[in-house]
Amino acid sequence: MDCLFDEAVLQTLDQGKYTVVVTRMPDRPANATEQCGVAWLGWGNGDGIPGGSADYGAIVNRHTHVSTQFGHSWFAVRHPGQEAAAMGEYLPQVLNLHDEARFEALGCPVDKRKLDALIGN
């Protein structure tokens, strides 16, 4: 298991957005660093259960205490499939590039406009 503390992610903020790259250590892109404007999180080595899955993993985006004034948290989602409508611009975007070279091609600092284009924003 691995974790990114809020302070680590805050170091990568760019216009209110942050980027987290999640890979196994051998697949980590060379530009998946704070110096390049992104945070990196180690995927780990599976579920740790004998006979279990070496590929299993889960990513948890925590909201432990949300202001009642903020209406776009995970708690605003009332039914599956309504995440985008409830969270709006605060909905996390996920992009699976399958190849570290594709992320490295975004340069250092990571070109967030190109990254947004890949995501479809």
C-alpha atoms as a PDB file:
ATOM      1  CA  MET A   1       0.000   0.000   0.000  1.00  0.00           C
ATOM      2  CA  ASP A   2       1.073   3.552  -0.619  1.00  0.00           C
ATOM      3  CA  CYS A   3      -0.396   6.950   0.094  1.00  0.00           C
ATOM      4  CA  LEU A   4      -0.021  10.553  -0.968  1.00  0.00           C
ATOM      5  CA  PHE A   5      -0.549  13.103   1.744  1.00  0.00           C
ATOM      6  CA  ASP A   6      -2.347  16.312   0.852  1.00  0.00           C
ATOM      7  CA  GLU A   7       0.914  18.249   1.194  1.00  0.00           C
ATOM      8  CA  ALA A   8       2.580  16.131  -1.507  1.00  0.00           C
ATOM      9  CA  VAL A   9      -0.274  16.715  -3.936  1.00  0.00           C
ATOM     10  CA  LEU A  10      -0.419  20.435  -3.133  1.00  0.00           C
ATOM     11  CA  GLN A  11       3.144  20.779  -4.454  1.00  0.00           C
ATOM     12  CA  THR A  12       1.859  19.867  -7.922  1.00  0.00           C
ATOM     13  CA  LEU A  13      -1.133  22.224  -8.148  1.00  0.00           C
ATOM     14  CA  ASP A  14      -1.537  23.939 -11.493  1.00  0.00           C
ATOM     15  CA  GLN A  15      -4.521  26.270 -11.825  1.00  0.00           C
ATOM     16  CA  GLY A  16      -6.323  24.411  -9.052  1.00  0.00           C
ATOM     17  CA  LYS A  17      -5.761  20.961 -10.581  1.00  0.00           C
ATOM     18  CA  TYR A  18      -3.278  18.254  -9.717  1.00  0.00           C
ATOM     19  CA  THR A  19      -1.945  15.206 -11.525  1.00  0.00           C
ATOM     20  CA  VAL A  20      -1.109  11.887  -9.889  1.00  0.00           C
ATOM     21  CA  VAL A  21       0.675   9.169 -11.860  1.00  0.00           C
ATOM     22  CA  VAL A  22       0.076   5.650 -10.521  1.00  0.00           C
ATOM     23  CA  THR A  23       2.429   2.864 -11.663  1.00  0.00           C
ATOM     24  CA  ARG A  24       4.592   0.096 -10.356  1.00  0.00           C
ATOM     25  CA  MET A  25       8.120   1.296  -9.651  1.00  0.00           C
ATOM     26  CA  PRO A  26       9.684  -0.318 -12.778  1.00  0.00           C
ATOM     27  CA  ASP A  27       7.076   1.423 -14.966  1.00  0.00           C
ATOM     28  CA  ARG A  28       7.429   4.884 -13.433  1.00  0.00           C
ATOM     29  CA  PRO A  29       7.870   7.522 -16.156  1.00  0.00           C
ATOM     30  CA  ALA A  30      11.025   9.588 -15.736  1.00  0.00           C
ATOM     31  CA  ASN A  31       8.908  12.767 -15.575  1.00  0.00           C
ATOM     32  CA  ALA A  32       6.525  11.460 -12.893  1.00  0.00           C
ATOM     33  CA  THR A  33       8.151  13.743 -10.329  1.00  0.00           C
ATOM     34  CA  GLU A  34       7.293  16.776  -8.280  1.00  0.00           C
ATOM     35  CA  GLN A  35       9.928  18.711 -10.244  1.00  0.00           C
ATOM     36  CA  CYS A  36       7.938  18.002 -13.417  1.00  0.00           C
ATOM     37  CA  GLY A  37       4.659  19.071 -11.781  1.00  0.00           C
ATOM     38  CA  VAL A  38       3.080  15.720 -10.916  1.00  0.00           C
ATOM     39  CA  ALA A  39       2.847  13.441  -7.909  1.00  0.00           C
ATOM     40  CA  TRP A  40       3.669   9.739  -8.172  1.00  0.00           C
ATOM     41  CA  LEU A  41       1.992   6.902  -6.297  1.00  0.00           C
ATOM     42  CA  GLY A  42       3.326   3.354  -6.277  1.00  0.00           C
ATOM     43  CA  TRP A  43       0.764   0.776  -7.449  1.00  0.00           C
ATOM     44  CA  GLY A  44       2.127  -1.920  -5.170  1.00  0.00           C
ATOM     45  CA  ASN A  45       2.477  -5.626  -5.731  1.00  0.00           C
ATOM     46  CA  GLY A  46      -1.041  -7.008  -5.567  1.00  0.00           C
ATOM     47  CA  ASP A  47      -3.380  -8.062  -2.830  1.00  0.00           C
ATOM     48  CA  GLY A  48      -0.706  -9.784  -0.726  1.00  0.00           C
ATOM     49  CA  ILE A  49      -2.830 -12.912  -0.295  1.00  0.00           C
ATOM     50  CA  PRO A  50      -1.107 -16.231  -1.024  1.00  0.00           C
ATOM     51  CA  GLY A  51      -2.596 -17.431  -4.298  1.00  0.00           C
ATOM     52  CA  GLY A  52      -4.200 -14.009  -4.798  1.00  0.00           C
ATOM     53  CA  SER A  53      -3.780 -11.544  -7.608  1.00  0.00           C
ATOM     54  CA  ALA A  54      -0.449  -9.829  -8.246  1.00  0.00           C
ATOM     55  CA  ASP A  55      -2.324  -7.295 -10.385  1.00  0.00           C
ATOM     56  CA  TYR A  56      -4.992  -6.324  -7.866  1.00  0.00           C
ATOM     57  CA  GLY A  57      -5.080  -2.776  -6.658  1.00  0.00           C
ATOM     58  CA  ALA A  58      -7.474  -0.075  -5.593  1.00  0.00           C
ATOM     59  CA  ILE A  59      -7.269   3.689  -5.538  1.00  0.00           C
ATOM     60  CA  VAL A  60      -9.206   5.510  -2.860  1.00  0.00           C
ATOM     61  CA  ASN A  61      -9.845   9.233  -3.120  1.00  0.00           C
ATOM     62  CA  ARG A  62     -10.758  10.234   0.388  1.00  0.00           C
ATOM     63  CA  HIS A  63     -13.057  12.975   1.565  1.00  0.00           C
ATOM     64  CA  THR A  64     -12.985  12.626   5.320  1.00  0.00           C
ATOM     65  CA  HIS A  65     -14.580  15.938   6.177  1.00  0.00           C
ATOM     66  CA  VAL A  66     -16.389  18.013   3.606  1.00  0.00           C
ATOM     67  CA  SER A  67     -17.872  21.421   4.248  1.00  0.00           C
ATOM     68  CA  THR A  68     -21.647  21.394   3.994  1.00  0.00           C
ATOM     69  CA  GLN A  69     -21.240  24.489   1.801  1.00  0.00           C
ATOM     70  CA  PHE A  70     -19.368  22.457  -0.844  1.00  0.00           C
ATOM     71  CA  GLY A  71     -21.857  20.659  -3.085  1.00  0.00           C
ATOM     72  CA  HIS A  72     -19.471  18.847  -5.455  1.00  0.00           C
ATOM     73  CA  SER A  73     -17.855  16.140  -3.289  1.00  0.00           C
ATOM     74  CA  TRP A  74     -18.296  12.369  -3.608  1.00  0.00           C
ATOM     75  CA  PHE A  75     -21.084  12.780  -1.053  1.00  0.00           C
ATOM     76  CA  ALA A  76     -23.093  14.765  -3.610  1.00  0.00           C
ATOM     77  CA  VAL A  77     -23.407  11.653  -5.808  1.00  0.00           C
ATOM     78  CA  ARG A  78     -26.786  10.099  -5.005  1.00  0.00           C
ATOM     79  CA  HIS A  79     -26.917   7.346  -7.648  1.00  0.00           C
ATOM     80  CA  PRO A  80     -24.347   5.489  -9.781  1.00  0.00           C
ATOM     81  CA  GLY A  81     -23.873   7.175 -13.132  1.00  0.00           C
ATOM     82  CA  GLN A  82     -24.515  10.670 -11.753  1.00  0.00           C
ATOM     83  CA  GLU A  83     -20.919  11.366 -10.756  1.00  0.00           C
ATOM     84  CA  ALA A  84     -20.199  13.906 -13.502  1.00  0.00           C
ATOM     85  CA  ALA A  85     -23.434  15.802 -12.918  1.00  0.00           C
ATOM     86  CA  ALA A  86     -22.941  15.927  -9.145  1.00  0.00           C
ATOM     87  CA  MET A  87     -19.215  16.660  -9.041  1.00  0.00           C
ATOM     88  CA  GLY A  88     -18.839  18.811 -12.139  1.00  0.00           C
ATOM     89  CA  GLU A  89     -15.298  20.075 -12.633  1.00  0.00           C
ATOM     90  CA  TYR A  90     -14.236  18.353  -9.392  1.00  0.00           C
ATOM     91  CA  LEU A  91     -14.732  14.853 -10.801  1.00  0.00           C
ATOM     92  CA  PRO A  92     -11.347  13.103 -11.015  1.00  0.00           C
ATOM     93  CA  GLN A  93     -10.310  12.170 -14.543  1.00  0.00           C
ATOM     94  CA  VAL A  94      -8.539   8.871 -15.190  1.00  0.00           C
ATOM     95  CA  LEU A  95      -6.303   8.134 -18.161  1.00  0.00           C
ATOM     96  CA  ASN A  96      -4.610   4.782 -18.699  1.00  0.00           C
ATOM     97  CA  LEU A  97      -1.736   5.289 -21.131  1.00  0.00           C
ATOM     98  CA  HIS A  98      -0.460   1.687 -20.915  1.00  0.00           C
ATOM     99  CA  ASP A  99       3.049   2.905 -21.752  1.00  0.00           C
ATOM    100  CA  GLU A 100       5.410   5.095 -19.758  1.00  0.00           C
ATOM    101  CA  ALA A 101       6.874   6.585 -22.969  1.00  0.00           C
ATOM    102  CA  ARG A 102       3.495   8.159 -23.791  1.00  0.00           C
ATOM    103  CA  PHE A 103       3.557  10.041 -20.489  1.00  0.00           C
ATOM    104  CA  GLU A 104       7.232  10.909 -20.842  1.00  0.00           C
ATOM    105  CA  ALA A 105       6.398  12.484 -24.212  1.00  0.00           C
ATOM    106  CA  LEU A 106       4.492  15.164 -22.261  1.00  0.00           C
ATOM    107  CA  GLY A 107       7.849  16.596 -21.165  1.00  0.00           C
ATOM    108  CA  CYS A 108       9.078  18.234 -17.988  1.00  0.00           C
ATOM    109  CA  PRO A 109       7.324  20.198 -16.779  1.00  0.00           C
ATOM    110  CA  VAL A 110       4.457  17.998 -17.915  1.00  0.00           C
ATOM    111  CA  ASP A 111       2.442  19.830 -20.568  1.00  0.00           C
ATOM    112  CA  LYS A 112      -0.955  19.883 -18.848  1.00  0.00           C
ATOM    113  CA  ARG A 113      -2.687  21.124 -22.021  1.00  0.00           C
ATOM    114  CA  LYS A 114      -1.547  18.014 -23.895  1.00  0.00           C
ATOM    115  CA  LEU A 115      -2.536  15.873 -20.917  1.00  0.00           C
ATOM    116  CA  ASP A 116      -6.007  17.472 -20.845  1.00  0.00           C
ATOM    117  CA  ALA A 117      -6.334  16.815 -24.592  1.00  0.00           C
ATOM    118  CA  LEU A 118      -5.554  13.127 -24.018  1.00  0.00           C
ATOM    119  CA  ILE A 119      -8.228  12.981 -21.326  1.00  0.00           C
ATOM    120  CA  GLY A 120     -10.688  14.791 -23.564  1.00  0.00           C
ATOM    121  CA  ASN A 121     -10.993  18.057 -21.635  1.00  0.00           C
END
